[in-house]
Each structure stands twice: as structure tokens, then as C-alpha cells.
Amino acid sequence: MSITFVKTTFENNQKSVRILFIIESLSSGGKERRLIELIGGLSKEGDFKCAIIVLNDNIHYNIAHHNNCKIYK
């Protein structure tokens, strides 16, 4: 199960959307892979800032760091 929080802020008259994803792990699985694909797509848009809270230390997908996404354990 994941919970997503979205916050919209305005910086220098530009809309910036911050999204926090909460997920049990980033192990090699379907929902984890879909989350990484979603973050990759959002990072290409330019006005989204994403972060992930992982509830355990099982991180298989480190690619999220390359999409300027912070991962918190």
C-alpha cells in the first residue's frame, strides 16, 4: 500500500508540485517498478519534485536517485 501527498507551491510565479510517495520497499516487484517509471516521467516534466519514504531497507531500484528524487528510510 502506498500513500501519496501532493503539495503545490508557487516560486517566482512558477507552479511547483511536490509529491511524497510512501511505499513498503523498493524491491524488484511490479508496483515498485511502476513507481520508478512514474517518477521518471514526472522528472521529465520539470515542475515536479518527488520524494519517497521507504518503510524498510530493501532497495533494489536505486534509479530513483538519478531522477532527482530523494529517498528516505
N, C-alpha and C. Protein backbone atom coordinates (compact mmCIF):
# COMPACT_ATOMS: atom_id res chain seq x y z
N MET A 1 0.84 -1.17 0.00
CA MET A 1 0.00 0.00 0.00
C MET A 1 0.89 1.23 0.00
N SER A 2 0.51 2.22 -0.77
CA SER A 2 1.26 3.47 -0.77
C SER A 2 0.29 4.63 -0.60
N ILE A 3 0.79 5.65 0.03
CA ILE A 3 0.02 6.87 0.26
C ILE A 3 0.78 7.99 -0.42
N THR A 4 0.09 8.84 -1.12
CA THR A 4 0.73 9.93 -1.84
C THR A 4 0.21 11.26 -1.32
N PHE A 5 1.13 12.15 -1.00
CA PHE A 5 0.79 13.51 -0.59
C PHE A 5 1.26 14.46 -1.68
N VAL A 6 0.43 15.40 -2.04
CA VAL A 6 0.78 16.36 -3.08
C VAL A 6 0.66 17.76 -2.50
N LYS A 7 1.68 18.56 -2.72
CA LYS A 7 1.67 19.95 -2.26
C LYS A 7 2.05 20.84 -3.44
N THR A 8 1.26 21.85 -3.70
CA THR A 8 1.55 22.79 -4.76
C THR A 8 2.05 24.09 -4.16
N THR A 9 3.19 24.57 -4.64
CA THR A 9 3.73 25.84 -4.18
C THR A 9 4.00 26.73 -5.38
N PHE A 10 4.12 27.99 -5.12
CA PHE A 10 4.43 28.93 -6.18
C PHE A 10 5.74 29.63 -5.85
N GLU A 11 6.73 29.43 -6.71
CA GLU A 11 8.03 30.05 -6.54
C GLU A 11 8.33 30.90 -7.77
N ASN A 12 8.52 32.17 -7.56
CA ASN A 12 8.81 33.10 -8.66
C ASN A 12 7.77 32.99 -9.77
N ASN A 13 6.51 32.96 -9.36
CA ASN A 13 5.37 32.88 -10.28
C ASN A 13 5.36 31.60 -11.12
N GLN A 14 6.08 30.58 -10.70
CA GLN A 14 6.04 29.30 -11.41
C GLN A 14 5.45 28.27 -10.47
N LYS A 15 4.60 27.45 -11.02
CA LYS A 15 3.94 26.41 -10.23
C LYS A 15 4.90 25.25 -10.02
N SER A 16 5.06 24.84 -8.78
CA SER A 16 5.93 23.72 -8.43
C SER A 16 5.10 22.72 -7.62
N VAL A 17 5.08 21.47 -8.05
CA VAL A 17 4.31 20.43 -7.37
C VAL A 17 5.28 19.49 -6.68
N ARG A 18 5.10 19.32 -5.38
CA ARG A 18 5.92 18.39 -4.61
C ARG A 18 5.08 17.17 -4.28
N ILE A 19 5.63 15.99 -4.55
CA ILE A 19 4.89 14.75 -4.33
C ILE A 19 5.72 13.85 -3.43
N LEU A 20 5.10 13.33 -2.38
CA LEU A 20 5.74 12.40 -1.47
C LEU A 20 5.06 11.05 -1.62
N PHE A 21 5.83 10.03 -1.98
CA PHE A 21 5.33 8.68 -2.11
C PHE A 21 5.79 7.88 -0.89
N ILE A 22 4.91 7.07 -0.33
CA ILE A 22 5.25 6.18 0.78
C ILE A 22 5.01 4.76 0.30
N ILE A 23 6.06 3.93 0.40
CA ILE A 23 5.96 2.56 -0.10
C ILE A 23 6.72 1.64 0.86
N GLU A 24 6.29 0.40 0.92
CA GLU A 24 6.90 -0.56 1.86
C GLU A 24 8.36 -0.82 1.52
N SER A 25 8.68 -1.05 0.25
CA SER A 25 10.06 -1.31 -0.15
C SER A 25 10.24 -0.91 -1.60
N LEU A 26 11.48 -0.89 -2.06
CA LEU A 26 11.78 -0.72 -3.47
C LEU A 26 12.45 -1.99 -3.99
N SER A 27 11.90 -3.13 -3.59
CA SER A 27 12.42 -4.42 -4.05
C SER A 27 12.01 -4.62 -5.50
N SER A 28 12.48 -5.69 -6.10
CA SER A 28 12.17 -5.94 -7.51
C SER A 28 10.76 -6.51 -7.62
N GLY A 29 9.82 -5.63 -7.88
CA GLY A 29 8.42 -6.02 -7.99
C GLY A 29 7.67 -5.08 -8.91
N GLY A 30 6.44 -5.40 -9.18
CA GLY A 30 5.63 -4.64 -10.12
C GLY A 30 5.30 -3.23 -9.67
N LYS A 31 4.77 -3.09 -8.46
CA LYS A 31 4.38 -1.74 -8.01
C LYS A 31 5.60 -0.85 -7.82
N GLU A 32 6.71 -1.45 -7.41
CA GLU A 32 7.94 -0.68 -7.23
C GLU A 32 8.46 -0.18 -8.58
N ARG A 33 8.44 -1.04 -9.57
CA ARG A 33 8.89 -0.65 -10.91
C ARG A 33 7.99 0.43 -11.50
N ARG A 34 6.69 0.31 -11.29
CA ARG A 34 5.75 1.32 -11.79
C ARG A 34 5.97 2.67 -11.11
N LEU A 35 6.28 2.64 -9.83
CA LEU A 35 6.56 3.90 -9.12
C LEU A 35 7.79 4.58 -9.70
N ILE A 36 8.85 3.81 -9.96
CA ILE A 36 10.07 4.37 -10.53
C ILE A 36 9.79 4.92 -11.94
N GLU A 37 8.99 4.22 -12.72
CA GLU A 37 8.63 4.72 -14.06
C GLU A 37 7.83 6.01 -13.96
N LEU A 38 6.91 6.08 -13.01
CA LEU A 38 6.11 7.30 -12.80
C LEU A 38 7.00 8.47 -12.42
N ILE A 39 7.92 8.25 -11.50
CA ILE A 39 8.82 9.32 -11.08
C ILE A 39 9.71 9.77 -12.24
N GLY A 40 10.17 8.81 -13.05
CA GLY A 40 10.97 9.16 -14.23
C GLY A 40 10.20 10.04 -15.20
N GLY A 41 8.93 9.72 -15.42
CA GLY A 41 8.09 10.54 -16.29
C GLY A 41 7.83 11.92 -15.73
N LEU A 42 7.60 11.99 -14.44
CA LEU A 42 7.36 13.29 -13.81
C LEU A 42 8.60 14.16 -13.83
N SER A 43 9.77 13.54 -13.67
CA SER A 43 11.01 14.33 -13.64
C SER A 43 11.30 14.97 -15.00
N LYS A 44 10.79 14.37 -16.07
CA LYS A 44 10.98 14.95 -17.40
C LYS A 44 10.12 16.19 -17.61
N GLU A 45 9.06 16.32 -16.83
CA GLU A 45 8.17 17.47 -16.95
C GLU A 45 8.81 18.74 -16.40
N GLY A 46 9.68 18.61 -15.41
CA GLY A 46 10.43 19.75 -14.93
C GLY A 46 9.85 20.50 -13.75
N ASP A 47 8.54 20.48 -13.56
CA ASP A 47 7.96 21.24 -12.46
C ASP A 47 7.44 20.35 -11.33
N PHE A 48 7.94 19.11 -11.27
CA PHE A 48 7.58 18.18 -10.21
C PHE A 48 8.82 17.85 -9.38
N LYS A 49 8.66 17.86 -8.07
CA LYS A 49 9.72 17.43 -7.16
C LYS A 49 9.17 16.25 -6.36
N CYS A 50 9.85 15.11 -6.47
CA CYS A 50 9.36 13.89 -5.84
C CYS A 50 10.28 13.42 -4.73
N ALA A 51 9.70 12.75 -3.75
CA ALA A 51 10.44 12.10 -2.67
C ALA A 51 9.73 10.80 -2.34
N ILE A 52 10.51 9.84 -1.85
CA ILE A 52 9.95 8.53 -1.49
C ILE A 52 10.34 8.23 -0.05
N ILE A 53 9.37 7.78 0.74
CA ILE A 53 9.66 7.20 2.05
C ILE A 53 9.52 5.70 1.90
N VAL A 54 10.62 4.97 2.20
CA VAL A 54 10.63 3.51 2.13
C VAL A 54 10.58 2.99 3.56
N LEU A 55 9.62 2.11 3.84
CA LEU A 55 9.40 1.66 5.21
C LEU A 55 10.39 0.59 5.66
N ASN A 56 11.13 -0.04 4.74
CA ASN A 56 12.20 -0.94 5.15
C ASN A 56 13.42 -0.70 4.26
N ASP A 57 14.51 -1.36 4.57
CA ASP A 57 15.79 -1.08 3.89
C ASP A 57 15.98 -1.84 2.58
N ASN A 58 14.98 -2.54 2.11
CA ASN A 58 15.11 -3.33 0.89
C ASN A 58 14.95 -2.42 -0.33
N ILE A 59 16.07 -1.93 -0.85
CA ILE A 59 16.05 -1.04 -2.01
C ILE A 59 16.78 -1.71 -3.16
N HIS A 60 16.02 -2.15 -4.15
CA HIS A 60 16.59 -2.77 -5.34
C HIS A 60 16.74 -1.74 -6.46
N TYR A 61 15.80 -0.81 -6.53
CA TYR A 61 15.80 0.21 -7.58
C TYR A 61 16.47 1.48 -7.07
N ASN A 62 17.73 1.69 -7.38
CA ASN A 62 18.41 2.92 -7.00
C ASN A 62 18.28 4.00 -8.06
N ILE A 63 17.62 3.70 -9.16
CA ILE A 63 17.49 4.64 -10.27
C ILE A 63 16.73 5.90 -9.85
N ALA A 64 15.96 5.83 -8.78
CA ALA A 64 15.19 7.00 -8.33
C ALA A 64 16.12 8.16 -8.00
N HIS A 65 17.33 7.86 -7.51
CA HIS A 65 18.29 8.93 -7.21
C HIS A 65 18.69 9.69 -8.47
N HIS A 66 18.70 9.02 -9.61
CA HIS A 66 19.08 9.68 -10.85
C HIS A 66 17.99 10.59 -11.39
N ASN A 67 16.80 10.47 -10.89
CA ASN A 67 15.69 11.32 -11.30
C ASN A 67 15.46 12.46 -10.33
N ASN A 68 16.51 12.84 -9.58
CA ASN A 68 16.42 13.91 -8.58
C ASN A 68 15.33 13.65 -7.57
N CYS A 69 15.16 12.40 -7.21
CA CYS A 69 14.17 12.00 -6.22
C CYS A 69 14.91 11.60 -4.94
N LYS A 70 14.53 12.19 -3.84
CA LYS A 70 15.15 11.85 -2.56
C LYS A 70 14.45 10.63 -1.99
N ILE A 71 15.26 9.72 -1.42
CA ILE A 71 14.72 8.52 -0.79
C ILE A 71 15.04 8.58 0.69
N TYR A 72 14.00 8.44 1.50
CA TYR A 72 14.15 8.45 2.96
C TYR A 72 13.80 7.07 3.48
N LYS A 73 14.61 6.57 4.41
CA LYS A 73 14.36 5.25 5.00
C LYS A 73 13.79 5.40 6.40
